[in-house]
């Protein structure tokens, strides 16, 4: 099984990348993860670009990565009370064509980290909403890390209860994806 990870912060070493790495470390044995590293290269979604003869290769690569994934993990910072445009743009590309998109029915979960004590709450809520509208099968709960600049120690969350919640969420995502895969 493979989980595709979309990290909305484009900065190397960001707290959201650290959160993604911590989540991946908690995946059950036999579950691999791939981080899509090219969000910054995706052009803004446009129907004019969404044709085989002009489809940007990075958009094709994203769609193929989503189609090959058994689950999605969206990891978002919060910018101005919402998720960053790069992440929303990736979901927009993955959600086409409507009704037959790569993201349709794919199990998904949302995480977020922020320097704020609100733990990227609004961005996480937006992530769940956008993925649901796009057709993904999103877990209801999310995990948020507030005061994220001080939240990590040796690649893990220093708050043991929060680290356990992260482990629980990614384990449930993997279990959900496994059940869907077996039923197919």
Protein backbone atom coordinates (compact mmCIF):
# COMPACT_ATOMS: atom_id res chain seq x y z
CA UNK A 1 0.00 0.00 0.00
CA UNK A 2 1.09 3.55 -0.71
CA UNK A 3 -0.02 6.82 0.86
CA UNK A 4 0.51 9.95 -1.22
CA UNK A 5 1.45 12.95 0.93
CA UNK A 6 0.70 16.51 -0.20
CA UNK A 7 2.49 19.11 1.93
CA UNK A 8 1.14 22.62 1.51
CA UNK A 9 4.18 24.45 2.84
CA UNK A 10 6.75 24.81 0.10
CA UNK A 11 9.56 25.82 2.48
CA UNK A 12 12.26 23.25 3.12
CA UNK A 13 12.26 22.24 6.78
CA UNK A 14 8.80 23.66 7.45
CA UNK A 15 6.87 22.50 10.49
CA UNK A 16 4.30 20.97 8.16
CA UNK A 17 6.99 18.94 6.41
CA UNK A 18 8.15 17.83 9.86
CA UNK A 19 4.56 16.88 10.70
CA UNK A 20 4.30 14.92 7.45
CA UNK A 21 7.54 13.08 8.29
CA UNK A 22 6.26 12.29 11.79
CA UNK A 23 3.01 10.96 10.32
CA UNK A 24 4.85 8.80 7.80
CA UNK A 25 6.99 7.37 10.62
CA UNK A 26 3.75 6.18 12.28
CA UNK A 27 2.38 4.33 9.24
CA UNK A 28 1.92 0.62 9.89
CA UNK A 29 4.44 -1.90 8.57
CA UNK A 30 3.91 -2.61 4.89
CA UNK A 31 2.53 0.85 4.14
CA UNK A 32 4.81 3.12 2.14
CA UNK A 33 4.51 6.85 1.62
CA UNK A 34 5.44 9.12 -1.26
CA UNK A 35 5.62 12.89 -0.89
CA UNK A 36 4.68 14.73 -4.08
CA UNK A 37 7.54 17.21 -4.28
CA UNK A 38 6.36 19.36 -7.21
CA UNK A 39 3.43 21.44 -5.91
CA UNK A 40 5.33 24.67 -6.61
CA UNK A 41 5.66 23.70 -10.27
CA UNK A 42 1.93 23.18 -10.88
CA UNK A 43 0.42 26.02 -12.90
CA UNK A 44 -2.83 27.45 -11.60
CA UNK A 45 -5.66 25.18 -12.69
CA UNK A 46 -7.25 26.26 -15.97
CA UNK A 47 -9.61 24.34 -18.22
CA UNK A 48 -7.58 25.70 -21.13
CA UNK A 49 -4.62 23.62 -19.92
CA UNK A 50 -6.71 20.56 -19.10
CA UNK A 51 -6.50 18.81 -22.46
CA UNK A 52 -4.19 15.96 -23.40
CA UNK A 53 -2.36 18.01 -26.05
CA UNK A 54 -1.46 20.85 -23.62
CA UNK A 55 -1.73 19.21 -20.18
CA UNK A 56 1.39 20.20 -18.20
CA UNK A 57 3.54 17.17 -17.40
CA UNK A 58 3.57 18.05 -13.70
CA UNK A 59 -0.24 17.95 -13.65
CA UNK A 60 -0.17 14.57 -15.40
CA UNK A 61 2.40 13.36 -12.83
CA UNK A 62 0.19 14.52 -9.95
CA UNK A 63 -2.88 12.80 -11.38
CA UNK A 64 -0.92 9.59 -11.90
CA UNK A 65 0.46 9.76 -8.35
CA UNK A 66 -3.05 10.22 -6.94
CA UNK A 67 -4.42 7.40 -9.13
CA UNK A 68 -1.62 5.08 -7.96
CA UNK A 69 -2.12 5.93 -4.27
CA UNK A 70 -4.23 3.89 -1.90
CA UNK A 71 -4.74 6.93 0.33
CA UNK A 72 -3.98 10.65 0.56
CA UNK A 73 -2.55 12.60 3.44
CA UNK A 74 -2.99 16.35 3.11
CA UNK A 75 -0.73 18.37 5.43
CA UNK A 76 -1.53 22.04 5.58
CA UNK A 77 -0.28 25.22 7.19
CA UNK A 78 -2.77 28.03 7.69
CA UNK A 79 -2.40 31.21 5.68
CA UNK A 80 -4.95 33.97 6.33
CA UNK A 81 -7.42 31.55 7.85
CA UNK A 82 -7.29 28.98 5.06
CA UNK A 83 -5.09 26.42 3.36
CA UNK A 84 -2.37 27.65 0.98
CA UNK A 85 -3.13 28.10 -2.69
CA UNK A 86 -0.54 25.50 -3.77
CA UNK A 87 -2.42 22.79 -1.89
CA UNK A 88 -5.85 23.88 -3.11
CA UNK A 89 -4.47 24.01 -6.64
CA UNK A 90 -3.18 20.43 -6.34
CA UNK A 91 -6.63 19.23 -5.25
CA UNK A 92 -8.18 21.15 -8.16
CA UNK A 93 -5.88 19.40 -10.65
CA UNK A 94 -6.48 15.98 -9.04
CA UNK A 95 -10.27 16.47 -9.05
CA UNK A 96 -10.63 16.59 -12.83
CA UNK A 97 -12.39 15.31 -14.82
CA UNK A 98 -15.37 15.66 -12.50
CA UNK A 99 -16.93 12.29 -11.71
CA UNK A 100 -13.98 10.30 -13.04
CA UNK A 101 -11.09 11.98 -11.27
CA UNK A 102 -8.10 10.28 -9.69
CA UNK A 103 -9.14 11.51 -6.23
CA UNK A 104 -12.68 10.16 -6.42
CA UNK A 105 -13.30 7.70 -3.56
CA UNK A 106 -9.70 7.77 -2.33
CA UNK A 107 -9.41 7.57 1.48
CA UNK A 108 -7.87 10.77 2.83
CA UNK A 109 -6.89 12.48 6.07
CA UNK A 110 -5.89 16.03 6.92
CA UNK A 111 -3.17 17.29 9.27
CA UNK A 112 -1.98 20.79 9.95
CA UNK A 113 0.67 22.66 11.87
CA UNK A 114 0.84 26.32 12.73
CA UNK A 115 2.71 28.67 15.01
CA UNK A 116 -0.69 29.67 16.36
CA UNK A 117 -2.27 27.81 19.29
CA UNK A 118 -5.32 27.21 17.01
CA UNK A 119 -3.23 24.55 15.23
CA UNK A 120 -4.28 25.45 11.67
CA UNK A 121 -7.88 24.66 12.57
CA UNK A 122 -9.49 26.64 9.74
CA UNK A 123 -7.02 25.28 7.17
CA UNK A 124 -7.71 21.72 8.33
CA UNK A 125 -11.45 22.33 8.06
CA UNK A 126 -10.96 23.75 4.56
CA UNK A 127 -8.83 20.74 3.62
CA UNK A 128 -11.56 18.32 4.68
CA UNK A 129 -14.21 20.34 2.83
CA UNK A 130 -12.22 20.69 -0.39
CA UNK A 131 -11.27 17.00 -0.47
CA UNK A 132 -14.88 15.96 0.17
CA UNK A 133 -16.22 18.21 -2.58
CA UNK A 134 -13.53 16.79 -4.89
CA UNK A 135 -14.86 13.30 -4.15
CA UNK A 136 -12.31 11.87 -1.72
CA UNK A 137 -13.41 9.69 1.19
CA UNK A 138 -12.11 11.89 4.02
CA UNK A 139 -11.83 10.86 7.66
CA UNK A 140 -13.93 13.16 9.85
CA UNK A 141 -11.28 14.05 12.39
CA UNK A 142 -7.97 15.79 11.81
CA UNK A 143 -4.81 16.35 13.81
CA UNK A 144 -3.52 19.86 14.39
CA UNK A 145 -0.27 20.99 15.96
CA UNK A 146 -0.21 24.44 17.54
CA UNK A 147 2.92 26.30 18.62
CA UNK A 148 4.54 24.11 15.99
CA UNK A 149 7.98 25.71 16.12
CA UNK A 150 8.50 24.09 19.55
CA UNK A 151 6.40 20.95 19.00
CA UNK A 152 8.98 18.55 17.55
CA UNK A 153 11.79 16.63 19.17
CA UNK A 154 13.93 14.07 17.34
CA UNK A 155 11.46 13.93 14.44
CA UNK A 156 8.46 13.26 16.69
CA UNK A 157 5.88 15.36 18.40
CA UNK A 158 7.09 16.09 21.92
CA UNK A 159 3.51 16.03 23.28
CA UNK A 160 2.91 12.30 23.77
CA UNK A 161 -0.90 12.60 23.63
CA UNK A 162 -0.70 14.53 20.35
CA UNK A 163 1.82 12.02 18.97
CA UNK A 164 -0.58 9.19 19.91
CA UNK A 165 -3.44 11.02 18.14
CA UNK A 166 -1.26 11.33 15.04
CA UNK A 167 -0.40 7.62 15.17
CA UNK A 168 -4.09 6.76 15.59
CA UNK A 169 -5.18 8.91 12.64
CA UNK A 170 -2.63 7.53 10.16
CA UNK A 171 -3.29 3.98 11.35
CA UNK A 172 -7.04 4.46 10.77
CA UNK A 173 -6.31 5.95 7.34
CA UNK A 174 -4.19 2.92 6.42
CA UNK A 175 -6.84 0.52 7.74
CA UNK A 176 -9.58 2.33 5.80
CA UNK A 177 -7.48 2.24 2.62
CA UNK A 178 -6.72 -1.45 3.13
CA UNK A 179 -10.42 -2.32 3.49
CA UNK A 180 -11.24 -0.33 0.34
CA UNK A 181 -8.40 -2.04 -1.52
CA UNK A 182 -9.58 -5.50 -0.43
CA UNK A 183 -13.16 -4.76 -1.46
CA UNK A 184 -12.09 -3.68 -4.96
